[in-house]
Amino acid sequence: MLEVMILTSLFTLAVMNYGIWTLPAKRDEFTTIELLLSVTMPIGMICSGLFSTCLAHFWLFSLQLAISLLGLLGLTIPRYGRRVASGITVFACAAGWGMVAWTVLDYRRQIDDLRAEYPFVTMEDRLPTPKSTPAWSASTLDEAEKIIGKPNQLFSQAWHLKILHSDYVEDFTSAPGFGVKRMPSSQFRPAKIRRSKDYPEPIPQPGVRRDEIEPTGDAWPDAKVRDFFGFHVGSIGNFANIKSLGYFKNPREVAGFVPHAFESEPKPQVPYELERLELVGLVRHPEPAVYVSEFLPRMTELDAVTTRPADGFEAVGLKRLAAGEDLVANAVGSKVRLLGAIRNMAACVECHGGQRGDLLGAFSYRLAETTPRAER
């Protein structure tokens, strides 16, 4: 379509300047060929504009057409009409191509700015490779990944970052004719790349720290523990936020990654409420370490907060998680301890390494019943 626009522009100049190049017998009359070309020119421009799929092209054709029609009117002016029409059409083509040049230069500036804002960084030194452990069953992993969801690869942030850092966009912005029709489905838009400044604000812990509940309380049946599986997996999805994983080319080239953090407070099912949620680290420390913060876990603050050893309930629960269980629960009265495994999901394997299902860490929850059993 851009080639059609080029030909149309040249045709416009040729037609509208025909009166300058020829000397008809009577300068205030049209020659036959001049009249035919003058009528054909706007028809050709209209047809070209109708078949243009690019909005920028459409406005360019419209601008050229409007000014060229003014040039046609200029041909009716006695004596100097042809010279007026010539000047108008030269301006029409110059203005149109000036619009294209400005658009392309601005587009290229956006690309350069985004590449500087979202450079490739290495992830190799962020996390050691997790130790291989018995994983959840395939059906449980599938269920968890279904709850969390999968990143939409096509036209997602990761897709835009991939195009941004590929030779494809370089070829696009440097190609003759600016390569407008070579961009896939014309769906790449710099403005659609999510800004890393959108990192969630810290969310305070919903309750104060409680006394430890040792694993000597009531043993919950597996069916009751399983009721919290959706709540726990939802917390993992809230924390990991797969939409913000960015573009992973290889462990040394990752762009647009937003560190994990809770975007909202997880809500357990009624009649329970969350009092505290702590991250149990298993791969950065030789022994399990629980990060103690007055905010819900955020990866950006892990190096600044203190850690504590796993308490009695957590130590026993971690052994069960390492053996392949997904949740461990213990209750004393209206207080509940819950320990849930954070597994290596399909979307996590690229950055974390290891195998799908490996144990990366755990969430340690403290819940409280809002309605005593006697009142239910």
Protein backbone atom coordinates (compact mmCIF):
# COMPACT_ATOMS: atom_id res chain seq x y z
CA MET A 1 0.00 0.00 0.00
CA LEU A 2 2.89 2.38 0.66
CA GLU A 3 4.13 1.79 -2.88
CA VAL A 4 0.70 2.84 -4.17
CA MET A 5 0.96 6.02 -2.12
CA ILE A 6 4.37 6.77 -3.65
CA LEU A 7 3.05 6.30 -7.17
CA THR A 8 -0.02 8.37 -6.38
CA SER A 9 2.12 11.22 -5.06
CA LEU A 10 4.31 11.20 -8.17
CA PHE A 11 1.23 10.99 -10.36
CA THR A 12 -0.27 13.94 -8.52
CA LEU A 13 2.82 16.06 -9.11
CA ALA A 14 3.00 15.08 -12.76
CA VAL A 15 -0.66 15.83 -13.47
CA MET A 16 -0.93 19.09 -11.57
CA ASN A 17 2.33 20.44 -13.05
CA TYR A 18 1.44 19.45 -16.59
CA GLY A 19 0.24 22.95 -17.28
CA ILE A 20 3.67 24.36 -16.38
CA TRP A 21 5.51 21.90 -18.63
CA THR A 22 3.28 22.48 -21.70
CA LEU A 23 2.26 25.59 -23.52
CA PRO A 24 -1.32 25.21 -24.77
CA ALA A 25 -2.58 27.61 -27.39
CA LYS A 26 -4.85 29.33 -24.92
CA ARG A 27 -3.51 29.45 -21.38
CA ASP A 28 -6.96 29.86 -19.85
CA GLU A 29 -8.22 26.58 -21.34
CA PHE A 30 -7.55 22.90 -20.57
CA THR A 31 -5.88 20.70 -23.12
CA THR A 32 -7.64 17.37 -23.69
CA ILE A 33 -4.91 15.26 -22.05
CA GLU A 34 -4.68 17.70 -19.11
CA LEU A 35 -8.40 17.41 -18.53
CA LEU A 36 -8.33 13.61 -18.65
CA LEU A 37 -5.39 13.35 -16.24
CA SER A 38 -6.90 15.91 -13.89
CA VAL A 39 -10.10 13.85 -13.60
CA THR A 40 -8.25 10.53 -13.29
CA MET A 41 -5.90 11.74 -10.53
CA PRO A 42 -8.43 12.25 -7.70
CA ILE A 43 -10.24 9.03 -8.67
CA GLY A 44 -6.96 7.11 -8.30
CA MET A 45 -6.26 8.73 -4.94
CA ILE A 46 -9.74 7.91 -3.63
CA CYS A 47 -9.38 4.26 -4.66
CA SER A 48 -5.95 4.04 -3.01
CA GLY A 49 -7.33 5.54 0.20
CA LEU A 50 -10.29 3.16 0.28
CA PHE A 51 -8.01 0.13 0.14
CA SER A 52 -5.58 1.42 2.78
CA THR A 53 -5.67 -0.61 6.04
CA CYS A 54 -3.40 1.79 7.90
CA LEU A 55 -4.99 4.79 9.60
CA ALA A 56 -1.88 6.92 9.03
CA HIS A 57 -2.05 6.14 5.31
CA PHE A 58 -5.73 7.00 5.21
CA TRP A 59 -5.15 10.48 6.63
CA LEU A 60 -2.20 10.99 4.33
CA PHE A 61 -4.31 10.13 1.29
CA SER A 62 -7.10 12.36 2.57
CA LEU A 63 -4.71 15.29 3.01
CA GLN A 64 -3.24 14.85 -0.46
CA LEU A 65 -6.67 14.48 -2.01
CA ALA A 66 -8.13 17.58 -0.33
CA ILE A 67 -5.22 19.83 -1.27
CA SER A 68 -5.04 18.40 -4.79
CA LEU A 69 -8.73 19.13 -5.32
CA LEU A 70 -7.95 22.71 -4.34
CA GLY A 71 -5.25 22.54 -7.00
CA LEU A 72 -7.85 21.48 -9.56
CA LEU A 73 -9.87 24.53 -8.67
CA GLY A 74 -6.72 26.56 -9.09
CA LEU A 75 -6.56 25.48 -12.73
CA THR A 76 -9.67 27.56 -13.39
CA ILE A 77 -7.95 30.77 -12.32
CA PRO A 78 -7.05 32.78 -15.43
CA ARG A 79 -3.39 33.22 -16.39
CA TYR A 80 -1.71 32.03 -13.17
CA GLY A 81 -4.03 29.12 -12.34
CA ARG A 82 -1.60 26.41 -13.39
CA ARG A 83 1.24 27.88 -11.34
CA VAL A 84 -1.06 28.15 -8.28
CA ALA A 85 -2.15 24.53 -8.76
CA SER A 86 1.48 23.45 -9.08
CA GLY A 87 2.45 25.10 -5.81
CA ILE A 88 -0.52 23.62 -3.99
CA THR A 89 0.19 20.06 -5.12
CA VAL A 90 3.88 20.32 -4.27
CA PHE A 91 2.82 21.43 -0.79
CA ALA A 92 0.32 18.55 -0.57
CA CYS A 93 2.97 15.93 -1.28
CA ALA A 94 5.57 17.60 0.95
CA ALA A 95 3.11 17.86 3.86
CA GLY A 96 2.01 14.24 3.47
CA TRP A 97 5.52 12.86 3.41
CA GLY A 98 6.47 15.15 6.26
CA MET A 99 3.72 13.51 8.32
CA VAL A 100 5.08 10.06 7.48
CA ALA A 101 8.65 11.06 8.37
CA TRP A 102 7.57 12.54 11.71
CA THR A 103 5.50 9.45 12.55
CA VAL A 104 8.35 7.06 11.81
CA LEU A 105 10.94 9.13 13.70
CA ASP A 106 8.63 9.34 16.71
CA TYR A 107 7.97 5.60 16.53
CA ARG A 108 11.70 4.90 16.42
CA ARG A 109 12.25 7.17 19.42
CA GLN A 110 9.63 5.21 21.39
CA ILE A 111 11.38 1.94 20.50
CA ASP A 112 14.78 3.27 21.63
CA ASP A 113 13.31 4.62 24.88
CA LEU A 114 11.58 1.32 25.66
CA ARG A 115 14.72 -0.69 24.96
CA ALA A 116 16.62 1.54 27.39
CA GLU A 117 13.84 1.23 29.99
CA TYR A 118 13.47 -2.54 29.59
CA PRO A 119 17.02 -3.83 28.99
CA PHE A 120 18.02 -7.47 29.19
CA VAL A 121 19.18 -8.47 32.69
CA THR A 122 20.53 -11.75 33.98
CA MET A 123 18.59 -14.01 36.32
CA GLU A 124 21.38 -16.54 36.83
CA ASP A 125 22.48 -15.16 40.20
CA ARG A 126 19.01 -14.53 41.64
CA LEU A 127 18.07 -18.04 42.71
CA PRO A 128 19.94 -21.31 42.98
CA THR A 129 18.43 -24.23 41.12
CA PRO A 130 15.84 -25.92 43.39
CA LYS A 131 16.55 -29.35 44.75
CA SER A 132 14.61 -32.15 43.16
CA THR A 133 11.76 -33.29 45.44
CA PRO A 134 8.70 -35.51 45.06
CA ALA A 135 6.13 -33.39 43.21
CA TRP A 136 2.38 -33.20 43.45
CA SER A 137 0.56 -35.60 41.24
CA ALA A 138 0.17 -34.54 37.60
CA SER A 139 -3.54 -33.94 38.14
CA THR A 140 -2.87 -31.69 41.15
CA LEU A 141 -0.26 -29.69 39.21
CA ASP A 142 -2.69 -29.35 36.33
CA GLU A 143 -5.41 -28.20 38.70
CA ALA A 144 -3.09 -25.63 40.33
CA GLU A 145 -1.97 -24.25 36.97
CA LYS A 146 -5.57 -24.01 35.85
CA ILE A 147 -6.43 -21.93 38.94
CA ILE A 148 -3.42 -19.65 38.48
CA GLY A 149 -3.92 -19.40 34.76
CA LYS A 150 -1.42 -19.26 31.94
CA PRO A 151 0.10 -16.16 30.41
CA ASN A 152 -1.53 -15.14 27.15
CA GLN A 153 1.46 -15.40 24.85
CA LEU A 154 -0.05 -13.62 21.85
CA PHE A 155 -0.07 -9.82 22.19
CA SER A 156 0.83 -10.08 25.92
CA GLN A 157 3.47 -8.00 27.67
CA ALA A 158 5.97 -10.82 27.12
CA TRP A 159 5.07 -10.94 23.41
CA HIS A 160 5.55 -7.18 23.05
CA LEU A 161 8.91 -7.34 24.87
CA LYS A 162 10.00 -10.21 22.65
CA ILE A 163 9.19 -8.18 19.53
CA LEU A 164 10.85 -5.11 21.08
CA HIS A 165 14.16 -6.92 21.63
CA SER A 166 14.15 -8.90 18.41
CA ASP A 167 15.77 -8.12 15.07
CA TYR A 168 12.25 -8.10 13.72
CA VAL A 169 11.40 -4.66 15.08
CA GLU A 170 14.83 -3.41 14.00
CA ASP A 171 14.12 -4.53 10.44
CA PHE A 172 10.66 -3.00 10.67
CA THR A 173 11.82 0.48 11.65
CA SER A 174 14.75 0.47 9.21
CA ALA A 175 13.13 -1.11 6.16
CA PRO A 176 12.51 0.91 2.98
CA GLY A 177 8.93 2.11 3.11
CA PHE A 178 9.11 1.65 6.92
CA GLY A 179 7.85 -1.92 6.63
CA VAL A 180 4.32 -1.07 7.81
CA LYS A 181 2.69 -4.17 6.35
CA ARG A 182 5.44 -6.47 7.60
CA MET A 183 4.60 -6.08 11.30
CA PRO A 184 2.63 -9.22 12.39
CA SER A 185 -1.06 -8.37 12.25
CA SER A 186 -0.03 -4.75 12.97
CA GLN A 187 -0.63 -5.56 16.67
CA PHE A 188 2.71 -4.39 18.09
CA ARG A 189 2.11 -1.22 20.06
CA PRO A 190 4.83 0.28 22.30
CA ALA A 191 2.14 1.76 24.57
CA LYS A 192 0.87 -1.74 25.43
CA ILE A 193 4.09 -2.71 27.24
CA ARG A 194 3.32 -2.65 30.94
CA ARG A 195 5.46 -0.24 32.92
CA SER A 196 7.63 -1.76 35.66
CA LYS A 197 6.66 1.25 37.78
CA ASP A 198 3.39 -0.57 38.42
CA TYR A 199 5.02 -2.58 41.23
CA PRO A 200 2.40 -3.18 43.94
CA GLU A 201 2.43 -1.07 47.07
CA PRO A 202 3.33 -2.87 50.35
CA ILE A 203 0.33 -4.56 51.98
CA PRO A 204 0.44 -4.69 55.80
CA GLN A 205 0.00 -8.02 57.55
CA PRO A 206 -3.70 -8.29 58.44
CA GLY A 207 -2.98 -9.20 62.08
CA VAL A 208 -0.28 -9.11 64.72
CA ARG A 209 2.04 -12.01 65.26
CA ARG A 210 0.51 -14.72 67.45
CA ASP A 211 2.03 -17.24 69.82
CA GLU A 212 3.21 -20.39 68.10
CA ILE A 213 0.65 -23.18 67.82
CA GLU A 214 2.54 -26.44 68.22
CA PRO A 215 1.47 -29.53 66.22
CA THR A 216 -0.31 -31.01 69.21
CA GLY A 217 -3.75 -29.69 68.37
CA ASP A 218 -6.63 -31.25 66.50
CA ALA A 219 -5.66 -33.21 63.42
CA TRP A 220 -7.69 -32.10 60.43
CA PRO A 221 -9.01 -34.74 58.05
CA ASP A 222 -7.53 -34.60 54.56
CA ALA A 223 -10.86 -33.57 53.04
CA LYS A 224 -11.03 -30.49 55.26
CA VAL A 225 -7.43 -29.54 54.52
CA ARG A 226 -8.15 -29.92 50.83
CA ASP A 227 -10.85 -27.26 51.11
CA PHE A 228 -8.05 -24.69 51.42
CA PHE A 229 -6.25 -25.79 48.25
CA GLY A 230 -7.95 -23.17 46.06
CA PHE A 231 -7.21 -20.43 48.61
CA HIS A 232 -3.55 -21.43 48.78
CA VAL A 233 -3.02 -21.75 45.02
CA GLY A 234 -4.79 -18.43 44.56
CA SER A 235 -2.27 -16.91 46.97
CA ILE A 236 0.58 -18.30 44.85
CA GLY A 237 -0.94 -16.77 41.72
CA ASN A 238 -1.45 -13.45 43.54
CA PHE A 239 2.19 -13.46 44.63
CA ALA A 240 3.80 -14.68 41.40
CA ASN A 241 1.57 -12.64 39.05
CA ILE A 242 2.43 -14.45 35.82
CA LYS A 243 1.36 -11.42 33.78
CA SER A 244 4.48 -9.60 35.02
CA LEU A 245 7.06 -12.28 34.29
CA GLY A 246 8.27 -10.38 31.23
CA TYR A 247 10.15 -11.89 28.30
CA PHE A 248 12.52 -14.78 29.02
CA LYS A 249 15.00 -15.37 26.21
CA ASN A 250 17.54 -17.28 28.29
CA PRO A 251 18.78 -17.09 31.92
CA ARG A 252 21.14 -14.24 30.98
CA GLU A 253 18.62 -12.27 28.95
CA VAL A 254 15.34 -11.46 30.70
CA ALA A 255 13.43 -8.22 30.04
CA GLY A 256 10.57 -6.60 31.93
CA PHE A 257 10.54 -8.97 34.91
CA VAL A 258 8.64 -7.56 37.89
CA PRO A 259 9.70 -9.15 41.23
CA HIS A 260 7.02 -11.23 42.93
CA ALA A 261 4.79 -9.44 45.41
CA PHE A 262 1.21 -9.67 46.63
CA GLU A 263 -1.11 -7.33 44.75
CA SER A 264 -3.96 -7.80 47.23
CA GLU A 265 -4.64 -9.52 50.54
CA PRO A 266 -5.63 -13.19 50.11
CA LYS A 267 -9.06 -13.99 51.52
CA PRO A 268 -9.71 -17.49 52.93
CA GLN A 269 -13.18 -18.91 52.78
CA VAL A 270 -15.71 -18.14 55.49
CA PRO A 271 -15.66 -18.58 58.48
CA TYR A 272 -11.89 -17.99 58.53
CA GLU A 273 -9.87 -14.81 58.25
CA LEU A 274 -6.17 -14.35 57.63
CA GLU A 275 -4.08 -13.10 60.52
CA ARG A 276 -0.58 -13.54 59.10
CA LEU A 277 1.13 -14.87 55.98
CA GLU A 278 4.89 -15.48 55.87
CA LEU A 279 7.18 -16.81 53.14
CA VAL A 280 9.34 -19.83 53.97
CA GLY A 281 12.52 -19.81 51.88
CA LEU A 282 14.08 -23.13 50.95
CA VAL A 283 16.63 -22.42 48.18
CA ARG A 284 18.56 -19.30 49.24
CA HIS A 285 19.53 -20.60 52.68
CA PRO A 286 21.17 -23.83 53.85
CA GLU A 287 18.27 -24.36 56.29
CA PRO A 288 14.62 -23.32 55.94
CA ALA A 289 14.22 -19.64 56.81
CA VAL A 290 10.97 -17.76 57.44
CA TYR A 291 10.99 -14.09 56.41
CA VAL A 292 9.56 -11.93 59.18
CA SER A 293 7.98 -8.71 57.92
CA GLU A 294 5.09 -6.50 58.84
CA PHE A 295 4.06 -6.64 55.18
CA LEU A 296 2.87 -9.49 53.03
CA PRO A 297 5.85 -11.14 51.25
CA ARG A 298 7.65 -9.01 48.63
CA MET A 299 10.74 -10.26 46.83
CA THR A 300 12.30 -6.79 46.75
CA GLU A 301 12.61 -6.65 50.55
CA LEU A 302 13.89 -10.16 51.27
CA ASP A 303 17.48 -9.01 51.72
CA ALA A 304 16.42 -6.33 54.21
CA VAL A 305 14.08 -8.26 56.53
CA THR A 306 15.09 -10.60 59.32
CA THR A 307 14.55 -14.34 59.19
CA ARG A 308 13.77 -16.92 61.82
CA PRO A 309 14.12 -20.70 61.84
CA ALA A 310 11.07 -22.78 61.09
CA ASP A 311 9.04 -23.35 64.25
CA GLY A 312 7.82 -26.75 65.40
CA PHE A 313 4.70 -26.83 63.23
CA GLU A 314 6.57 -25.57 60.15
CA ALA A 315 9.50 -27.98 60.59
CA VAL A 316 7.16 -30.98 60.69
CA GLY A 317 5.04 -29.60 57.86
CA LEU A 318 8.03 -28.97 55.58
CA LYS A 319 9.01 -32.62 55.81
CA ARG A 320 5.54 -33.59 54.68
CA LEU A 321 5.61 -31.07 51.83
CA ALA A 322 9.01 -32.40 50.74
CA ALA A 323 7.43 -35.87 50.63
CA GLY A 324 4.86 -34.65 48.10
CA GLU A 325 1.91 -33.28 50.13
CA ASP A 326 0.42 -29.95 49.15
CA LEU A 327 -1.05 -28.64 52.45
CA VAL A 328 -0.56 -29.31 56.14
CA ALA A 329 -3.00 -27.95 58.74
CA ASN A 330 -3.22 -27.90 62.50
CA ALA A 331 -5.85 -26.31 64.76
CA VAL A 332 -6.01 -25.43 68.43
CA GLY A 333 -9.40 -24.09 69.36
CA SER A 334 -10.35 -21.33 66.91
CA LYS A 335 -6.74 -20.80 65.74
CA VAL A 336 -5.45 -22.55 62.63
CA ARG A 337 -1.95 -23.03 61.21
CA LEU A 338 -1.67 -23.82 57.53
CA LEU A 339 1.49 -24.59 55.57
CA GLY A 340 1.22 -24.76 51.77
CA ALA A 341 3.83 -25.81 49.22
CA ILE A 342 5.00 -23.41 46.50
CA ARG A 343 5.80 -25.67 43.56
CA ASN A 344 7.68 -25.09 40.33
CA MET A 345 4.80 -24.49 37.91
CA ALA A 346 5.21 -24.63 34.14
CA ALA A 347 5.47 -20.81 33.97
CA CYS A 348 8.21 -20.82 36.66
CA VAL A 349 10.59 -23.44 35.28
CA GLU A 350 12.30 -21.18 32.73
CA CYS A 351 13.61 -18.75 35.36
CA HIS A 352 13.90 -21.04 38.38
CA GLY A 353 15.30 -24.05 36.56
CA GLY A 354 14.77 -27.54 37.92
CA GLN A 355 11.76 -29.69 37.09
CA ARG A 356 8.04 -28.99 37.07
CA GLY A 357 6.73 -29.75 40.55
CA ASP A 358 9.97 -29.14 42.49
CA LEU A 359 9.49 -27.50 45.89
CA LEU A 360 10.55 -23.82 45.76
CA GLY A 361 9.25 -22.67 49.14
CA ALA A 362 6.11 -22.49 51.23
CA PHE A 363 3.56 -20.08 52.66
CA SER A 364 2.97 -20.24 56.40
CA TYR A 365 -0.53 -19.02 57.26
CA ARG A 366 -2.14 -18.13 60.57
CA LEU A 367 -5.92 -18.16 60.39
CA ALA A 368 -8.67 -17.53 62.92
CA GLU A 369 -12.28 -18.61 62.96
CA THR A 370 -14.57 -15.60 62.91
CA THR A 371 -17.57 -17.63 64.13
CA PRO A 372 -17.00 -20.02 67.10
CA ARG A 373 -18.17 -23.58 66.48
CA ALA A 374 -20.74 -23.35 69.29
CA GLU A 375 -22.56 -20.54 67.48
CA ARG A 376 -22.78 -22.36 64.13
